Amino acid sequence: MYSTIKTQTLSMIAEMTASPKPSYSIDGQIVQWSDYLKQLRLTVEWCDQQIARNEAGVEEITVGRS
């Protein structure tokens, strides 16, 4: 699961860096691609941490209630 997220995120990073877009504002809302790229890189780091935890044998137990 984490590997899939990481692969997809790396693909998005590759696309963004291959043809960078400028930041802009539309209807008072600012779109900053550099911030989005930073968030994507943080997602990759998070995936790496989760993958390392799973490889180390750390098991996360969740309990569902209805």
PDB file of N, CA and C in Angstrom:
ATOM      1  N   MET A   1       0.811  -1.184   0.000  1.00  0.00           N
ATOM      2  CA  MET A   1       0.000   0.000   0.000  1.00  0.00           C
ATOM      3  C   MET A   1       0.865   1.263   0.000  1.00  0.00           C
ATOM      4  N   TYR A   2       1.819   1.338   0.930  1.00  0.00           N
ATOM      5  CA  TYR A   2       2.675   2.531   0.999  1.00  0.00           C
ATOM      6  C   TYR A   2       3.565   2.646  -0.232  1.00  0.00           C
ATOM      7  N   SER A   3       3.975   1.501  -0.755  1.00  0.00           N
ATOM      8  CA  SER A   3       4.812   1.519  -1.960  1.00  0.00           C
ATOM      9  C   SER A   3       4.042   2.101  -3.143  1.00  0.00           C
ATOM     10  N   THR A   4       2.764   1.785  -3.215  1.00  0.00           N
ATOM     11  CA  THR A   4       1.930   2.314  -4.298  1.00  0.00           C
ATOM     12  C   THR A   4       1.778   3.823  -4.174  1.00  0.00           C
ATOM     13  N   ILE A   5       1.504   4.279  -2.967  1.00  0.00           N
ATOM     14  CA  ILE A   5       1.373   5.718  -2.731  1.00  0.00           C
ATOM     15  C   ILE A   5       2.674   6.425  -3.086  1.00  0.00           C
ATOM     16  N   LYS A   6       3.792   5.826  -2.652  1.00  0.00           N
ATOM     17  CA  LYS A   6       5.101   6.428  -2.929  1.00  0.00           C
ATOM     18  C   LYS A   6       5.363   6.488  -4.436  1.00  0.00           C
ATOM     19  N   THR A   7       5.083   5.406  -5.138  1.00  0.00           N
ATOM     20  CA  THR A   7       5.307   5.364  -6.586  1.00  0.00           C
ATOM     21  C   THR A   7       4.471   6.417  -7.305  1.00  0.00           C
ATOM     22  N   GLN A   8       3.206   6.519  -6.934  1.00  0.00           N
ATOM     23  CA  GLN A   8       2.326   7.506  -7.562  1.00  0.00           C
ATOM     24  C   GLN A   8       2.787   8.932  -7.259  1.00  0.00           C
ATOM     25  N   THR A   9       3.219   9.162  -6.029  1.00  0.00           N
ATOM     26  CA  THR A   9       3.678  10.494  -5.638  1.00  0.00           C
ATOM     27  C   THR A   9       4.965  10.858  -6.366  1.00  0.00           C
ATOM     28  N   LEU A  10       5.885   9.906  -6.483  1.00  0.00           N
ATOM     29  CA  LEU A  10       7.121  10.166  -7.217  1.00  0.00           C
ATOM     30  C   LEU A  10       6.837  10.476  -8.680  1.00  0.00           C
ATOM     31  N   SER A  11       5.833   9.820  -9.236  1.00  0.00           N
ATOM     32  CA  SER A  11       5.437  10.092 -10.609  1.00  0.00           C
ATOM     33  C   SER A  11       4.914  11.521 -10.751  1.00  0.00           C
ATOM     34  N   MET A  12       4.130  11.953  -9.782  1.00  0.00           N
ATOM     35  CA  MET A  12       3.608  13.326  -9.797  1.00  0.00           C
ATOM     36  C   MET A  12       4.742  14.345  -9.668  1.00  0.00           C
ATOM     37  N   ILE A  13       5.718  14.040  -8.812  1.00  0.00           N
ATOM     38  CA  ILE A  13       6.868  14.925  -8.648  1.00  0.00           C
ATOM     39  C   ILE A  13       7.642  15.025  -9.961  1.00  0.00           C
ATOM     40  N   ALA A  14       7.832  13.882 -10.625  1.00  0.00           N
ATOM     41  CA  ALA A  14       8.558  13.873 -11.897  1.00  0.00           C
ATOM     42  C   ALA A  14       7.845  14.736 -12.940  1.00  0.00           C
ATOM     43  N   GLU A  15       6.523  14.619 -13.008  1.00  0.00           N
ATOM     44  CA  GLU A  15       5.747  15.429 -13.952  1.00  0.00           C
ATOM     45  C   GLU A  15       5.876  16.919 -13.645  1.00  0.00           C
ATOM     46  N   MET A  16       5.775  17.257 -12.367  1.00  0.00           N
ATOM     47  CA  MET A  16       5.833  18.673 -11.968  1.00  0.00           C
ATOM     48  C   MET A  16       7.196  19.294 -12.241  1.00  0.00           C
ATOM     49  N   THR A  17       8.238  18.539 -11.998  1.00  0.00           N
ATOM     50  CA  THR A  17       9.579  19.096 -12.180  1.00  0.00           C
ATOM     51  C   THR A  17      10.001  19.095 -13.646  1.00  0.00           C
ATOM     52  N   ALA A  18       9.371  18.239 -14.454  1.00  0.00           N
ATOM     53  CA  ALA A  18       9.687  18.211 -15.884  1.00  0.00           C
ATOM     54  C   ALA A  18       9.145  19.453 -16.592  1.00  0.00           C
ATOM     55  N   SER A  19       8.001  19.915 -16.150  1.00  0.00           N
ATOM     56  CA  SER A  19       7.413  21.129 -16.729  1.00  0.00           C
ATOM     57  C   SER A  19       6.821  21.983 -15.606  1.00  0.00           C
ATOM     58  N   PRO A  20       7.688  22.717 -14.900  1.00  0.00           N
ATOM     59  CA  PRO A  20       7.234  23.513 -13.758  1.00  0.00           C
ATOM     60  C   PRO A  20       6.207  24.576 -14.163  1.00  0.00           C
ATOM     61  N   LYS A  21       5.302  24.825 -13.250  1.00  0.00           N
ATOM     62  CA  LYS A  21       4.270  25.829 -13.489  1.00  0.00           C
ATOM     63  C   LYS A  21       4.476  26.998 -12.531  1.00  0.00           C
ATOM     64  N   PRO A  22       4.095  28.197 -12.955  1.00  0.00           N
ATOM     65  CA  PRO A  22       4.220  29.346 -12.058  1.00  0.00           C
ATOM     66  C   PRO A  22       3.095  29.344 -11.014  1.00  0.00           C
ATOM     67  N   SER A  23       3.347  29.997  -9.908  1.00  0.00           N
ATOM     68  CA  SER A  23       2.295  30.197  -8.915  1.00  0.00           C
ATOM     69  C   SER A  23       1.360  31.271  -9.438  1.00  0.00           C
ATOM     70  N   TYR A  24       0.104  31.225  -9.018  1.00  0.00           N
ATOM     71  CA  TYR A  24      -0.854  32.213  -9.490  1.00  0.00           C
ATOM     72  C   TYR A  24      -1.965  32.404  -8.467  1.00  0.00           C
ATOM     73  N   SER A  25      -2.775  33.403  -8.705  1.00  0.00           N
ATOM     74  CA  SER A  25      -3.922  33.704  -7.858  1.00  0.00           C
ATOM     75  C   SER A  25      -5.159  33.757  -8.737  1.00  0.00           C
ATOM     76  N   ILE A  26      -6.215  33.110  -8.267  1.00  0.00           N
ATOM     77  CA  ILE A  26      -7.474  33.129  -8.999  1.00  0.00           C
ATOM     78  C   ILE A  26      -8.620  33.278  -7.991  1.00  0.00           C
ATOM     79  N   ASP A  27      -9.422  34.281  -8.215  1.00  0.00           N
ATOM     80  CA  ASP A  27     -10.553  34.575  -7.318  1.00  0.00           C
ATOM     81  C   ASP A  27     -10.115  34.662  -5.857  1.00  0.00           C
ATOM     82  N   GLY A  28      -8.971  35.281  -5.624  1.00  0.00           N
ATOM     83  CA  GLY A  28      -8.467  35.470  -4.261  1.00  0.00           C
ATOM     84  C   GLY A  28      -7.800  34.252  -3.660  1.00  0.00           C
ATOM     85  N   GLN A  29      -7.750  33.162  -4.394  1.00  0.00           N
ATOM     86  CA  GLN A  29      -7.108  31.944  -3.898  1.00  0.00           C
ATOM     87  C   GLN A  29      -5.747  31.791  -4.572  1.00  0.00           C
ATOM     88  N   ILE A  30      -4.712  31.590  -3.765  1.00  0.00           N
ATOM     89  CA  ILE A  30      -3.348  31.496  -4.283  1.00  0.00           C
ATOM     90  C   ILE A  30      -2.973  30.031  -4.470  1.00  0.00           C
ATOM     91  N   VAL A  31      -2.426  29.727  -5.623  1.00  0.00           N
ATOM     92  CA  VAL A  31      -1.936  28.378  -5.917  1.00  0.00           C
ATOM     93  C   VAL A  31      -0.419  28.480  -6.042  1.00  0.00           C
ATOM     94  N   GLN A  32       0.277  27.846  -5.115  1.00  0.00           N
ATOM     95  CA  GLN A  32       1.738  27.871  -5.134  1.00  0.00           C
ATOM     96  C   GLN A  32       2.241  26.452  -5.352  1.00  0.00           C
ATOM     97  N   TRP A  33       2.768  26.239  -6.538  1.00  0.00           N
ATOM     98  CA  TRP A  33       3.229  24.905  -6.904  1.00  0.00           C
ATOM     99  C   TRP A  33       4.401  24.453  -6.054  1.00  0.00           C
ATOM    100  N   SER A  34       5.224  25.408  -5.595  1.00  0.00           N
ATOM    101  CA  SER A  34       6.369  25.030  -4.756  1.00  0.00           C
ATOM    102  C   SER A  34       5.892  24.426  -3.432  1.00  0.00           C
ATOM    103  N   ASP A  35       4.802  24.954  -2.877  1.00  0.00           N
ATOM    104  CA  ASP A  35       4.246  24.388  -1.644  1.00  0.00           C
ATOM    105  C   ASP A  35       3.671  22.993  -1.897  1.00  0.00           C
ATOM    106  N   TYR A  36       3.024  22.826  -3.043  1.00  0.00           N
ATOM    107  CA  TYR A  36       2.468  21.522  -3.391  1.00  0.00           C
ATOM    108  C   TYR A  36       3.589  20.498  -3.574  1.00  0.00           C
ATOM    109  N   LEU A  37       4.663  20.911  -4.226  1.00  0.00           N
ATOM    110  CA  LEU A  37       5.809  20.031  -4.417  1.00  0.00           C
ATOM    111  C   LEU A  37       6.422  19.645  -3.069  1.00  0.00           C
ATOM    112  N   LYS A  38       6.504  20.594  -2.176  1.00  0.00           N
ATOM    113  CA  LYS A  38       7.027  20.326  -0.826  1.00  0.00           C
ATOM    114  C   LYS A  38       6.152  19.286  -0.122  1.00  0.00           C
ATOM    115  N   GLN A  39       4.847  19.428  -0.251  1.00  0.00           N
ATOM    116  CA  GLN A  39       3.927  18.474   0.373  1.00  0.00           C
ATOM    117  C   GLN A  39       4.070  17.086  -0.236  1.00  0.00           C
ATOM    118  N   LEU A  40       4.269  17.020  -1.534  1.00  0.00           N
ATOM    119  CA  LEU A  40       4.483  15.724  -2.183  1.00  0.00           C
ATOM    120  C   LEU A  40       5.756  15.057  -1.664  1.00  0.00           C
ATOM    121  N   ARG A  41       6.801  15.850  -1.491  1.00  0.00           N
ATOM    122  CA  ARG A  41       8.061  15.293  -0.960  1.00  0.00           C
ATOM    123  C   ARG A  41       7.884  14.801   0.470  1.00  0.00           C
ATOM    124  N   LEU A  42       7.084  15.507   1.264  1.00  0.00           N
ATOM    125  CA  LEU A  42       6.791  15.048   2.625  1.00  0.00           C
ATOM    126  C   LEU A  42       5.997  13.736   2.595  1.00  0.00           C
ATOM    127  N   THR A  43       5.144  13.592   1.619  1.00  0.00           N
ATOM    128  CA  THR A  43       4.391  12.340   1.468  1.00  0.00           C
ATOM    129  C   THR A  43       5.330  11.178   1.176  1.00  0.00           C
ATOM    130  N   VAL A  44       6.327  11.408   0.332  1.00  0.00           N
ATOM    131  CA  VAL A  44       7.311  10.364   0.032  1.00  0.00           C
ATOM    132  C   VAL A  44       8.088   9.995   1.297  1.00  0.00           C
ATOM    133  N   GLU A  45       8.488  10.987   2.074  1.00  0.00           N
ATOM    134  CA  GLU A  45       9.200  10.717   3.329  1.00  0.00           C
ATOM    135  C   GLU A  45       8.323   9.904   4.279  1.00  0.00           C
ATOM    136  N   TRP A  46       7.042  10.264   4.372  1.00  0.00           N
ATOM    137  CA  TRP A  46       6.114   9.537   5.232  1.00  0.00           C
ATOM    138  C   TRP A  46       5.997   8.083   4.780  1.00  0.00           C
ATOM    139  N   CYS A  47       5.896   7.880   3.487  1.00  0.00           N
ATOM    140  CA  CYS A  47       5.824   6.517   2.949  1.00  0.00           C
ATOM    141  C   CYS A  47       7.081   5.727   3.306  1.00  0.00           C
ATOM    142  N   ASP A  48       8.234   6.371   3.160  1.00  0.00           N
ATOM    143  CA  ASP A  48       9.497   5.701   3.518  1.00  0.00           C
ATOM    144  C   ASP A  48       9.487   5.277   4.984  1.00  0.00           C
ATOM    145  N   GLN A  49       8.975   6.134   5.847  1.00  0.00           N
ATOM    146  CA  GLN A  49       8.907   5.811   7.281  1.00  0.00           C
ATOM    147  C   GLN A  49       7.974   4.629   7.528  1.00  0.00           C
ATOM    148  N   GLN A  50       6.830   4.633   6.863  1.00  0.00           N
ATOM    149  CA  GLN A  50       5.869   3.538   7.040  1.00  0.00           C
ATOM    150  C   GLN A  50       6.429   2.224   6.508  1.00  0.00           C
ATOM    151  N   ILE A  51       7.103   2.284   5.385  1.00  0.00           N
ATOM    152  CA  ILE A  51       7.708   1.081   4.805  1.00  0.00           C
ATOM    153  C   ILE A  51       8.786   0.541   5.742  1.00  0.00           C
ATOM    154  N   ALA A  52       9.601   1.429   6.288  1.00  0.00           N
ATOM    155  CA  ALA A  52      10.656   1.009   7.220  1.00  0.00           C
ATOM    156  C   ALA A  52      10.053   0.374   8.475  1.00  0.00           C
ATOM    157  N   ARG A  53       8.973   0.949   8.971  1.00  0.00           N
ATOM    158  CA  ARG A  53       8.307   0.379  10.157  1.00  0.00           C
ATOM    159  C   ARG A  53       7.797  -1.020   9.866  1.00  0.00           C
ATOM    160  N   ASN A  54       7.205  -1.194   8.705  1.00  0.00           N
ATOM    161  CA  ASN A  54       6.675  -2.515   8.345  1.00  0.00           C
ATOM    162  C   ASN A  54       7.788  -3.534   8.164  1.00  0.00           C
ATOM    163  N   GLU A  55       8.902  -3.100   7.592  1.00  0.00           N
ATOM    164  CA  GLU A  55      10.032  -4.005   7.399  1.00  0.00           C
ATOM    165  C   GLU A  55      10.691  -4.360   8.720  1.00  0.00           C
ATOM    166  N   ALA A  56      10.572  -3.461   9.703  1.00  0.00           N
ATOM    167  CA  ALA A  56      11.171  -3.710  11.016  1.00  0.00           C
ATOM    168  C   ALA A  56      10.284  -4.621  11.866  1.00  0.00           C
ATOM    169  N   GLY A  57       9.116  -4.965  11.348  1.00  0.00           N
ATOM    170  CA  GLY A  57       8.238  -5.868  12.080  1.00  0.00           C
ATOM    171  C   GLY A  57       7.311  -5.154  13.043  1.00  0.00           C
ATOM    172  N   VAL A  58       7.208  -3.846  12.937  1.00  0.00           N
ATOM    173  CA  VAL A  58       6.286  -3.114  13.795  1.00  0.00           C
ATOM    174  C   VAL A  58       4.884  -3.353  13.260  1.00  0.00           C
ATOM    175  N   GLU A  59       4.019  -3.753  14.157  1.00  0.00           N
ATOM    176  CA  GLU A  59       2.666  -4.043  13.747  1.00  0.00           C
ATOM    177  C   GLU A  59       1.718  -3.027  14.357  1.00  0.00           C
ATOM    178  N   GLU A  60       0.880  -2.459  13.528  1.00  0.00           N
ATOM    179  CA  GLU A  60      -0.090  -1.498  14.013  1.00  0.00           C
ATOM    180  C   GLU A  60      -1.428  -2.209  14.168  1.00  0.00           C
ATOM    181  N   ILE A  61      -1.989  -2.126  15.352  1.00  0.00           N
ATOM    182  CA  ILE A  61      -3.265  -2.788  15.634  1.00  0.00           C
ATOM    183  C   ILE A  61      -4.344  -1.720  15.718  1.00  0.00           C
ATOM    184  N   THR A  62      -5.406  -1.931  14.976  1.00  0.00           N
ATOM    185  CA  THR A  62      -6.539  -1.015  15.034  1.00  0.00           C
ATOM    186  C   THR A  62      -7.784  -1.788  15.431  1.00  0.00           C
ATOM    187  N   VAL A  63      -8.667  -1.110  16.110  1.00  0.00           N
ATOM    188  CA  VAL A  63      -9.897  -1.741  16.550  1.00  0.00           C
ATOM    189  C   VAL A  63     -11.054  -0.927  15.991  1.00  0.00           C
ATOM    190  N   GLY A  64     -11.959  -1.611  15.345  1.00  0.00           N
ATOM    191  CA  GLY A  64     -13.130  -0.938  14.797  1.00  0.00           C
ATOM    192  C   GLY A  64     -14.323  -1.159  15.678  1.00  0.00           C
ATOM    193  N   ARG A  65     -15.151  -0.152  15.776  1.00  0.00           N
ATOM    194  CA  ARG A  65     -16.377  -0.253  16.564  1.00  0.00           C
ATOM    195  C   ARG A  65     -17.541   0.217  15.730  1.00  0.00           C
ATOM    196  N   SER A  66     -18.674  -0.406  15.942  1.00  0.00           N
ATOM    197  CA  SER A  66     -19.853   0.038  15.210  1.00  0.00           C
ATOM    198  C   SER A  66     -20.987   0.334  16.151  1.00  0.00           C
TER     199      SER A  66
END
